[in-house]
Structures are given as C-alpha cells and as structure tokens.
C-alpha cells in the first residue's frame, strides 16, 4: 500500500514541486504540533506519544519545518509531564477537573 503519489520522472521535474517524502514530513511536523497542543487539554496519554512519534519521524525524514517539529516534540513531552503531575496530585491513574 502506497500512501503518497509516485515520484515524477526526472524529465518532467518542476522546480516548485517538493518531493513527496518532504511534503509528508512537513505534514507530520504540523500534525505533531497540533496533536501536542490539543493533548495539553484532553487525551494527553494518547496524543502525547503520538505527537512525539510524529515529530521524531518528521525530523528523521528531514522536514523543512524543523521548528514546528521541535515544538511538537516539546509539547508531546509536556503532555506526558502534565499527565504525571496530575496523577501525582490526584493519586490516581488518570486525572480530571
């Protein structure tokens, strides 16, 4: 199963078109940032690790949006730290308001 369109032949390369792997990495960087940000409020036990994984994959693939990927990585880690802090305060496995 292929998730991206096949690469174009070298004879019809347009200078404005990014390679599909790079576009995917840019999308992963943005997705990690958004999921990390939303994870601070809800479902941080799920969204935090997903944000970390997406940010790591985007950085590994060489995204042009490195800052956004690092923000997603930091927010994913912050999600898990918030979860641990509230678990310690409530003495439970999860937290609620």
N, C-alpha and C. Protein backbone atom coordinates (compact mmCIF):
# COMPACT_ATOMS: atom_id res chain seq x y z
N UNK A 1 0.84 -1.17 0.00
CA UNK A 1 0.00 0.00 0.00
C UNK A 1 0.88 1.23 0.00
N UNK A 2 0.62 2.13 -0.91
CA UNK A 2 1.43 3.33 -1.03
C UNK A 2 0.60 4.53 -0.59
N UNK A 3 1.13 5.31 0.36
CA UNK A 3 0.38 6.42 0.92
C UNK A 3 0.59 7.72 0.16
N UNK A 4 1.63 7.79 -0.64
CA UNK A 4 1.90 9.01 -1.39
C UNK A 4 1.91 8.71 -2.87
N UNK A 5 1.79 9.75 -3.65
CA UNK A 5 1.81 9.59 -5.10
C UNK A 5 3.22 9.19 -5.54
N UNK A 6 3.34 8.41 -6.59
CA UNK A 6 4.67 8.04 -7.06
C UNK A 6 5.44 9.26 -7.55
N UNK A 7 6.75 9.19 -7.44
CA UNK A 7 7.60 10.30 -7.86
C UNK A 7 7.51 10.47 -9.37
N UNK A 8 7.58 11.72 -9.82
CA UNK A 8 7.53 12.01 -11.25
C UNK A 8 8.86 11.67 -11.89
N UNK A 9 8.83 11.43 -13.17
CA UNK A 9 10.07 11.11 -13.87
C UNK A 9 10.98 12.32 -13.89
N UNK A 10 12.27 12.09 -14.07
CA UNK A 10 13.25 13.17 -14.00
C UNK A 10 13.16 14.12 -15.18
N UNK A 11 12.49 13.73 -16.27
CA UNK A 11 12.38 14.61 -17.42
C UNK A 11 11.34 15.70 -17.23
N UNK A 12 10.38 15.49 -16.34
CA UNK A 12 9.32 16.48 -16.13
C UNK A 12 9.35 17.05 -14.72
N UNK A 13 10.53 17.29 -14.19
CA UNK A 13 10.65 17.81 -12.83
C UNK A 13 10.40 19.31 -12.85
N UNK A 14 9.52 19.74 -12.00
CA UNK A 14 9.21 21.15 -11.84
C UNK A 14 9.98 21.66 -10.63
N UNK A 15 10.58 22.81 -10.72
CA UNK A 15 11.40 23.33 -9.62
C UNK A 15 10.57 23.73 -8.42
N UNK A 16 9.26 23.98 -8.60
CA UNK A 16 8.41 24.39 -7.49
C UNK A 16 7.82 23.22 -6.72
N UNK A 17 7.93 22.02 -7.24
CA UNK A 17 7.31 20.86 -6.61
C UNK A 17 8.32 20.20 -5.68
N UNK A 18 7.88 20.02 -4.41
CA UNK A 18 8.73 19.33 -3.44
C UNK A 18 8.59 17.83 -3.61
N UNK A 19 9.61 17.05 -3.27
CA UNK A 19 9.46 15.60 -3.29
C UNK A 19 8.36 15.17 -2.31
N UNK A 20 7.68 14.08 -2.60
CA UNK A 20 6.56 13.67 -1.76
C UNK A 20 7.00 13.31 -0.35
N UNK A 21 8.18 12.76 -0.18
CA UNK A 21 8.66 12.44 1.16
C UNK A 21 8.82 13.68 2.00
N UNK A 22 9.26 14.75 1.41
CA UNK A 22 9.44 16.01 2.12
C UNK A 22 8.09 16.61 2.51
N UNK A 23 7.10 16.51 1.60
CA UNK A 23 5.76 17.01 1.92
C UNK A 23 5.16 16.21 3.06
N UNK A 24 5.36 14.90 3.04
CA UNK A 24 4.85 14.06 4.13
C UNK A 24 5.49 14.44 5.45
N UNK A 25 6.78 14.71 5.43
CA UNK A 25 7.49 15.09 6.66
C UNK A 25 6.99 16.44 7.17
N UNK A 26 6.72 17.37 6.26
CA UNK A 26 6.18 18.67 6.68
C UNK A 26 4.80 18.50 7.31
N UNK A 27 3.98 17.63 6.74
CA UNK A 27 2.66 17.36 7.31
C UNK A 27 2.75 16.70 8.67
N UNK A 28 3.73 15.81 8.82
CA UNK A 28 3.91 15.17 10.13
C UNK A 28 4.34 16.18 11.18
N UNK A 29 5.19 17.14 10.79
CA UNK A 29 5.63 18.17 11.74
C UNK A 29 4.45 19.01 12.21
N UNK A 30 3.59 19.41 11.29
CA UNK A 30 2.42 20.21 11.65
C UNK A 30 1.45 19.39 12.50
N UNK A 31 1.25 18.12 12.12
CA UNK A 31 0.34 17.27 12.88
C UNK A 31 0.85 17.04 14.30
N UNK A 32 2.17 16.87 14.46
CA UNK A 32 2.71 16.67 15.81
C UNK A 32 2.51 17.91 16.67
N UNK A 33 2.67 19.09 16.06
CA UNK A 33 2.44 20.33 16.80
C UNK A 33 0.98 20.45 17.24
N UNK A 34 0.06 20.19 16.34
CA UNK A 34 -1.36 20.31 16.66
C UNK A 34 -1.78 19.27 17.70
N UNK A 35 -1.35 18.03 17.53
CA UNK A 35 -1.71 16.99 18.50
C UNK A 35 -1.10 17.26 19.87
N UNK A 36 0.12 17.76 19.88
CA UNK A 36 0.74 18.10 21.16
C UNK A 36 0.02 19.23 21.86
N UNK A 37 -0.43 20.21 21.09
CA UNK A 37 -1.15 21.34 21.66
C UNK A 37 -2.51 20.91 22.20
N UNK A 38 -3.24 20.13 21.45
CA UNK A 38 -4.54 19.64 21.90
C UNK A 38 -4.37 18.68 23.07
N UNK A 39 -3.27 17.92 23.06
CA UNK A 39 -3.02 16.95 24.13
C UNK A 39 -2.79 17.58 25.48
N UNK A 40 -2.46 18.86 25.52
CA UNK A 40 -2.32 19.51 26.82
C UNK A 40 -3.66 19.60 27.55
N UNK A 41 -4.75 19.61 26.79
CA UNK A 41 -6.07 19.75 27.39
C UNK A 41 -6.83 18.43 27.53
N UNK A 42 -6.77 17.58 26.51
CA UNK A 42 -7.55 16.35 26.51
C UNK A 42 -6.70 15.19 25.98
N UNK A 43 -6.96 14.01 26.49
CA UNK A 43 -6.37 12.76 26.00
C UNK A 43 -4.85 12.80 25.89
N UNK A 44 -4.21 13.41 26.88
CA UNK A 44 -2.76 13.54 26.81
C UNK A 44 -2.03 12.21 26.88
N UNK A 45 -2.64 11.19 27.42
CA UNK A 45 -1.99 9.89 27.48
C UNK A 45 -1.87 9.28 26.08
N UNK A 46 -2.75 9.65 25.15
CA UNK A 46 -2.69 9.15 23.79
C UNK A 46 -2.01 10.13 22.84
N UNK A 47 -2.39 11.40 22.94
CA UNK A 47 -1.90 12.39 22.00
C UNK A 47 -0.43 12.75 22.23
N UNK A 48 0.04 12.68 23.46
CA UNK A 48 1.44 12.98 23.74
C UNK A 48 2.40 12.05 23.03
N UNK A 49 2.27 10.72 23.20
CA UNK A 49 3.17 9.81 22.49
C UNK A 49 3.03 9.88 20.97
N UNK A 50 1.81 10.13 20.47
CA UNK A 50 1.64 10.26 19.02
C UNK A 50 2.37 11.50 18.51
N UNK A 51 2.29 12.60 19.25
CA UNK A 51 2.99 13.83 18.86
C UNK A 51 4.51 13.61 18.87
N UNK A 52 5.01 12.89 19.86
CA UNK A 52 6.44 12.60 19.94
C UNK A 52 6.88 11.75 18.75
N UNK A 53 6.09 10.73 18.44
CA UNK A 53 6.45 9.84 17.32
C UNK A 53 6.41 10.57 15.98
N UNK A 54 5.39 11.39 15.78
CA UNK A 54 5.31 12.15 14.52
C UNK A 54 6.44 13.16 14.38
N UNK A 55 6.78 13.82 15.47
CA UNK A 55 7.87 14.78 15.43
C UNK A 55 9.20 14.09 15.13
N UNK A 56 9.42 12.95 15.77
CA UNK A 56 10.64 12.20 15.50
C UNK A 56 10.73 11.72 14.06
N UNK A 57 9.62 11.25 13.53
CA UNK A 57 9.60 10.80 12.13
C UNK A 57 9.82 11.97 11.18
N UNK A 58 9.23 13.11 11.47
CA UNK A 58 9.41 14.29 10.61
C UNK A 58 10.85 14.75 10.63
N UNK A 59 11.47 14.77 11.80
CA UNK A 59 12.87 15.18 11.88
C UNK A 59 13.78 14.17 11.19
N UNK A 60 13.45 12.90 11.31
CA UNK A 60 14.27 11.87 10.69
C UNK A 60 14.19 11.94 9.16
N UNK A 61 13.01 12.32 8.65
CA UNK A 61 12.83 12.43 7.20
C UNK A 61 13.34 13.75 6.64
N UNK A 62 13.76 14.66 7.48
CA UNK A 62 14.33 15.92 7.02
C UNK A 62 13.30 16.95 6.62
N UNK A 63 12.41 17.27 7.52
CA UNK A 63 11.37 18.25 7.23
C UNK A 63 11.95 19.65 7.10
N UNK A 64 11.28 20.46 6.32
CA UNK A 64 11.67 21.87 6.22
C UNK A 64 11.12 22.66 7.41
N UNK A 65 10.16 22.10 8.10
CA UNK A 65 9.54 22.76 9.26
C UNK A 65 10.12 22.19 10.56
N UNK A 66 11.42 22.33 10.71
CA UNK A 66 12.10 21.77 11.87
C UNK A 66 11.61 22.40 13.17
N UNK A 67 11.36 23.70 13.15
CA UNK A 67 10.88 24.38 14.36
C UNK A 67 9.53 23.85 14.81
N UNK A 68 8.64 23.62 13.85
CA UNK A 68 7.33 23.09 14.18
C UNK A 68 7.46 21.67 14.72
N UNK A 69 8.40 20.88 14.15
CA UNK A 69 8.60 19.52 14.64
C UNK A 69 9.16 19.53 16.07
N UNK A 70 10.09 20.43 16.34
CA UNK A 70 10.64 20.52 17.70
C UNK A 70 9.57 21.00 18.69
N UNK A 71 8.70 21.92 18.26
CA UNK A 71 7.59 22.33 19.12
C UNK A 71 6.65 21.16 19.40
N UNK A 72 6.36 20.36 18.38
CA UNK A 72 5.52 19.18 18.57
C UNK A 72 6.17 18.19 19.52
N UNK A 73 7.47 18.02 19.40
CA UNK A 73 8.20 17.13 20.30
C UNK A 73 8.13 17.64 21.74
N UNK A 74 8.36 18.93 21.92
CA UNK A 74 8.30 19.52 23.26
C UNK A 74 6.91 19.46 23.85
N UNK A 75 5.90 19.72 23.03
CA UNK A 75 4.52 19.66 23.53
C UNK A 75 4.11 18.23 23.85
N UNK A 76 4.59 17.26 23.08
CA UNK A 76 4.30 15.85 23.38
C UNK A 76 4.90 15.44 24.72
N UNK A 77 6.12 15.89 24.97
CA UNK A 77 6.76 15.60 26.26
C UNK A 77 6.02 16.33 27.38
N UNK A 78 5.60 17.58 27.11
CA UNK A 78 4.84 18.34 28.11
C UNK A 78 3.51 17.66 28.42
N UNK A 79 2.89 17.05 27.41
CA UNK A 79 1.64 16.31 27.65
C UNK A 79 1.85 15.21 28.68
N UNK A 80 2.92 14.48 28.52
CA UNK A 80 3.19 13.38 29.45
C UNK A 80 3.57 13.89 30.83
N UNK A 81 4.28 15.02 30.88
CA UNK A 81 4.64 15.60 32.18
C UNK A 81 3.40 16.13 32.90
N UNK A 82 2.47 16.72 32.16
CA UNK A 82 1.22 17.18 32.77
C UNK A 82 0.44 15.99 33.31
N UNK A 83 0.40 14.92 32.54
CA UNK A 83 -0.30 13.72 32.99
C UNK A 83 0.31 13.18 34.28
N UNK A 84 1.63 13.10 34.33
CA UNK A 84 2.31 12.59 35.53
C UNK A 84 2.06 13.52 36.72
N UNK A 85 2.11 14.83 36.49
CA UNK A 85 1.89 15.77 37.58
C UNK A 85 0.48 15.64 38.16
N UNK A 86 -0.52 15.56 37.30
CA UNK A 86 -1.89 15.42 37.79
C UNK A 86 -2.13 14.05 38.41
N UNK A 87 -1.46 13.03 37.92
CA UNK A 87 -1.60 11.71 38.55
C UNK A 87 -1.01 11.73 39.95
N UNK A 88 0.07 12.45 40.15
CA UNK A 88 0.66 12.55 41.47
C UNK A 88 -0.22 13.36 42.42
N UNK A 89 -0.84 14.40 41.91
CA UNK A 89 -1.69 15.23 42.76
C UNK A 89 -2.97 14.51 43.15
N UNK A 90 -3.55 13.75 42.22
CA UNK A 90 -4.80 13.05 42.50
C UNK A 90 -4.60 11.66 43.07
N UNK A 91 -3.38 11.14 43.00
CA UNK A 91 -3.07 9.76 43.42
C UNK A 91 -3.91 8.73 42.67
N UNK A 92 -4.13 8.99 41.39
CA UNK A 92 -4.89 8.08 40.56
C UNK A 92 -4.12 7.81 39.26
N UNK A 93 -4.68 6.93 38.44
CA UNK A 93 -4.05 6.60 37.18
C UNK A 93 -4.38 7.64 36.12
N UNK A 94 -5.47 8.37 36.28
CA UNK A 94 -5.86 9.43 35.36
C UNK A 94 -6.20 10.68 36.15
N UNK A 95 -6.49 11.75 35.47
CA UNK A 95 -6.84 12.98 36.16
C UNK A 95 -8.11 13.55 35.59
N UNK A 96 -8.78 14.34 36.41
CA UNK A 96 -9.99 15.03 35.99
C UNK A 96 -10.06 16.36 36.72
N UNK A 97 -10.90 17.26 36.22
CA UNK A 97 -11.01 18.59 36.83
C UNK A 97 -11.83 18.54 38.06
